[in-house]
Amino acid sequence: MFTELLTEKSTENWNDISNNIEHYSGGSITIETENTMAVDIDGEIDIETPLQIDILTKRLRMFVGPEDI
């Protein structure tokens, strides 16, 4: 389902196609739950709550061909 959401995503329709998905932004996000829970990251379940996610700026480089611009 996530892949399908990203395929359909555009700046005009993102809020419409992402109903029931909560959106947050920040440089660092901490997720805490009352009881410890397993966390699924990209199909891998190897960490648990609580967890902290830090955004690492300028860490992902992407190369695209002229047809993708």
C-alpha atoms as a PDB file:
ATOM      1  CA  MET A   1       0.000   0.000   0.000  1.00  0.00           C
ATOM      2  CA  PHE A   2       2.821   2.417   0.801  1.00  0.00           C
ATOM      3  CA  THR A   3       4.299   2.035  -2.681  1.00  0.00           C
ATOM      4  CA  GLU A   4       0.906   2.752  -4.223  1.00  0.00           C
ATOM      5  CA  LEU A   5       0.536   5.903  -2.106  1.00  0.00           C
ATOM      6  CA  LEU A   6       3.913   7.199  -3.233  1.00  0.00           C
ATOM      7  CA  THR A   7       3.144   6.397  -6.875  1.00  0.00           C
ATOM      8  CA  GLU A   8       0.002   8.535  -6.709  1.00  0.00           C
ATOM      9  CA  LYS A   9       1.565  11.330  -4.639  1.00  0.00           C
ATOM     10  CA  SER A  10       1.673  14.879  -5.937  1.00  0.00           C
ATOM     11  CA  THR A  11       1.638  18.257  -4.236  1.00  0.00           C
ATOM     12  CA  GLU A  12      -1.984  18.709  -5.328  1.00  0.00           C
ATOM     13  CA  ASN A  13      -3.462  15.434  -4.064  1.00  0.00           C
ATOM     14  CA  TRP A  14      -1.330  14.211  -1.145  1.00  0.00           C
ATOM     15  CA  ASN A  15      -3.839  15.180   1.555  1.00  0.00           C
ATOM     16  CA  ASP A  16      -6.686  13.530  -0.367  1.00  0.00           C
ATOM     17  CA  ILE A  17      -4.937  10.165  -0.867  1.00  0.00           C
ATOM     18  CA  SER A  18      -3.434   9.962   2.614  1.00  0.00           C
ATOM     19  CA  ASN A  19      -6.623   9.890   4.685  1.00  0.00           C
ATOM     20  CA  ASN A  20      -6.093   8.344   8.136  1.00  0.00           C
ATOM     21  CA  ILE A  21      -2.333   8.886   7.952  1.00  0.00           C
ATOM     22  CA  GLU A  22      -1.012  11.393  10.453  1.00  0.00           C
ATOM     23  CA  HIS A  23       1.720  13.717   9.207  1.00  0.00           C
ATOM     24  CA  TYR A  24       4.474  15.115  11.411  1.00  0.00           C
ATOM     25  CA  SER A  25       7.630  17.006  10.615  1.00  0.00           C
ATOM     26  CA  GLY A  26      10.706  17.930  12.572  1.00  0.00           C
ATOM     27  CA  GLY A  27      14.433  17.444  12.880  1.00  0.00           C
ATOM     28  CA  SER A  28      13.981  14.759  15.525  1.00  0.00           C
ATOM     29  CA  ILE A  29      10.924  12.714  16.471  1.00  0.00           C
ATOM     30  CA  THR A  30      10.559  10.469  19.539  1.00  0.00           C
ATOM     31  CA  ILE A  31       7.928   7.727  19.511  1.00  0.00           C
ATOM     32  CA  GLU A  32       6.816   6.396  22.891  1.00  0.00           C
ATOM     33  CA  THR A  33       4.083   3.879  23.668  1.00  0.00           C
ATOM     34  CA  GLU A  34       2.515   2.794  26.948  1.00  0.00           C
ATOM     35  CA  ASN A  35       3.683  -0.784  26.369  1.00  0.00           C
ATOM     36  CA  THR A  36       6.778  -1.728  24.388  1.00  0.00           C
ATOM     37  CA  MET A  37       5.881  -2.334  20.735  1.00  0.00           C
ATOM     38  CA  ALA A  38       7.818  -3.757  17.787  1.00  0.00           C
ATOM     39  CA  VAL A  39       8.501  -1.201  15.049  1.00  0.00           C
ATOM     40  CA  ASP A  40       8.339  -2.058  11.332  1.00  0.00           C
ATOM     41  CA  ILE A  41      10.817  -0.024   9.296  1.00  0.00           C
ATOM     42  CA  ASP A  42      10.745  -0.885   5.609  1.00  0.00           C
ATOM     43  CA  GLY A  43       9.628  -4.444   6.298  1.00  0.00           C
ATOM     44  CA  GLU A  44      12.247  -5.062   8.982  1.00  0.00           C
ATOM     45  CA  ILE A  45      11.073  -5.517  12.572  1.00  0.00           C
ATOM     46  CA  ASP A  46      14.214  -5.303  14.663  1.00  0.00           C
ATOM     47  CA  ILE A  47      13.661  -2.346  16.992  1.00  0.00           C
ATOM     48  CA  GLU A  48      11.117  -1.463  19.664  1.00  0.00           C
ATOM     49  CA  THR A  49       9.572   1.609  21.207  1.00  0.00           C
ATOM     50  CA  PRO A  50      10.560   3.990  22.586  1.00  0.00           C
ATOM     51  CA  LEU A  51      12.621   5.151  19.655  1.00  0.00           C
ATOM     52  CA  GLN A  52      14.067   8.395  18.384  1.00  0.00           C
ATOM     53  CA  ILE A  53      14.307   9.269  14.707  1.00  0.00           C
ATOM     54  CA  ASP A  54      16.800  11.948  13.715  1.00  0.00           C
ATOM     55  CA  ILE A  55      16.732  13.561  10.290  1.00  0.00           C
ATOM     56  CA  LEU A  56      20.216  13.617   8.769  1.00  0.00           C
ATOM     57  CA  THR A  57      20.378  16.483   6.316  1.00  0.00           C
ATOM     58  CA  LYS A  58      22.180  16.130   2.983  1.00  0.00           C
ATOM     59  CA  ARG A  59      22.759  12.384   3.508  1.00  0.00           C
ATOM     60  CA  LEU A  60      20.879  11.033   0.480  1.00  0.00           C
ATOM     61  CA  ARG A  61      22.111  11.772  -3.006  1.00  0.00           C
ATOM     62  CA  MET A  62      19.892  11.013  -5.950  1.00  0.00           C
ATOM     63  CA  PHE A  63      20.798  10.939  -9.606  1.00  0.00           C
ATOM     64  CA  VAL A  64      18.048  11.118 -12.202  1.00  0.00           C
ATOM     65  CA  GLY A  65      18.086  11.168 -15.960  1.00  0.00           C
ATOM     66  CA  PRO A  66      16.707  14.111 -17.939  1.00  0.00           C
ATOM     67  CA  GLU A  67      13.390  12.285 -18.497  1.00  0.00           C
ATOM     68  CA  ASP A  68      12.816  12.230 -14.714  1.00  0.00           C
ATOM     69  CA  ILE A  69      13.323  15.944 -14.160  1.00  0.00           C
END
